[in-house]
Amino acid sequence: MSEPESELNIIDALGKPCPMPVLMLKRALKSQNGAVYLLKSSDPHSQIDVARYCQLHQLKYDFKEISMHEFHYLIES
């Protein structure tokens, strides 16, 4: 999943507490199928929530901790 960032659908959930990052991802996935998303979150609990959501819905995802307060998830639907 090494897509150029220009082809990504960016979901900016920075500053939003859980469960908002997952809800924003869910809304984006309903609007497009077969897309690649970059979910940006600042909530450390999003690591668990996003991982569970992706596993339940059989979505491929990669996680990267940018800093102590920024987490990126590359999600392929």
Protein backbone atom coordinates (compact mmCIF):
# COMPACT_ATOMS: atom_id res chain seq x y z
CA MET A 1 0.00 0.00 0.00
CA SER A 2 2.43 2.64 -1.11
CA GLU A 3 0.12 5.10 -2.82
CA PRO A 4 1.26 8.65 -3.54
CA GLU A 5 -0.39 11.05 -1.09
CA SER A 6 -2.07 12.93 -3.96
CA GLU A 7 -4.20 9.84 -4.68
CA LEU A 8 -5.23 9.38 -1.05
CA ASN A 9 -8.52 10.39 0.45
CA ILE A 10 -7.43 12.19 3.61
CA ILE A 11 -9.60 12.00 6.71
CA ASP A 12 -8.41 14.58 9.20
CA ALA A 13 -9.57 13.58 12.69
CA LEU A 14 -6.80 15.44 14.51
CA GLY A 15 -8.10 16.91 17.75
CA LYS A 16 -11.22 14.76 17.74
CA PRO A 17 -11.72 12.22 20.55
CA CYS A 18 -12.77 8.64 19.93
CA PRO A 19 -15.03 7.41 18.51
CA MET A 20 -14.97 10.29 15.98
CA PRO A 21 -11.97 9.01 13.95
CA VAL A 22 -13.73 5.66 13.38
CA LEU A 23 -17.06 7.35 12.62
CA MET A 24 -15.37 9.65 10.10
CA LEU A 25 -13.71 6.62 8.49
CA LYS A 26 -17.01 4.76 8.37
CA ARG A 27 -18.70 7.74 6.67
CA ALA A 28 -15.89 8.02 4.10
CA LEU A 29 -16.01 4.30 3.31
CA LYS A 30 -19.75 4.52 2.58
CA SER A 31 -19.19 7.27 0.01
CA GLN A 32 -16.52 5.42 -2.02
CA ASN A 33 -15.61 1.80 -2.49
CA GLY A 34 -12.20 0.58 -3.55
CA ALA A 35 -10.39 3.71 -2.39
CA VAL A 36 -7.32 4.31 -0.23
CA TYR A 37 -7.66 6.52 2.84
CA LEU A 38 -5.19 8.25 5.10
CA LEU A 39 -6.81 8.69 8.51
CA LYS A 40 -4.99 11.17 10.74
CA SER A 41 -5.81 10.99 14.44
CA SER A 42 -4.46 12.46 17.65
CA ASP A 43 -6.39 10.20 20.03
CA PRO A 44 -4.20 7.33 21.30
CA HIS A 45 -7.30 5.15 21.74
CA SER A 46 -7.85 5.29 17.99
CA GLN A 47 -5.12 2.64 17.61
CA ILE A 48 -7.40 0.02 19.17
CA ASP A 49 -10.63 1.30 17.60
CA VAL A 50 -9.32 1.59 14.05
CA ALA A 51 -7.56 -1.78 14.21
CA ARG A 52 -10.74 -3.51 15.42
CA TYR A 53 -12.90 -1.78 12.84
CA CYS A 54 -10.55 -2.74 9.99
CA GLN A 55 -10.32 -6.35 11.19
CA LEU A 56 -14.10 -6.67 11.53
CA HIS A 57 -14.66 -5.27 8.04
CA GLN A 58 -11.69 -7.07 6.47
CA LEU A 59 -9.91 -3.88 5.45
CA LYS A 60 -6.16 -3.73 4.90
CA TYR A 61 -4.47 -1.10 7.02
CA ASP A 62 -1.04 0.12 8.05
CA PHE A 63 -0.37 2.11 11.20
CA LYS A 64 2.36 4.69 11.72
CA GLU A 65 2.99 6.73 14.85
CA ILE A 66 4.14 10.14 13.62
CA SER A 67 4.57 11.58 17.12
CA MET A 68 3.17 11.08 20.62
CA HIS A 69 0.09 13.02 19.50
CA GLU A 70 -0.32 12.05 15.85
CA PHE A 71 -1.16 8.68 14.38
CA HIS A 72 -1.67 7.83 10.71
CA TYR A 73 -3.59 4.90 9.31
CA LEU A 74 -3.40 3.93 5.66
CA ILE A 75 -6.60 2.03 4.93
CA GLU A 76 -7.50 0.24 1.71
CA SER A 77 -11.13 -0.68 1.08
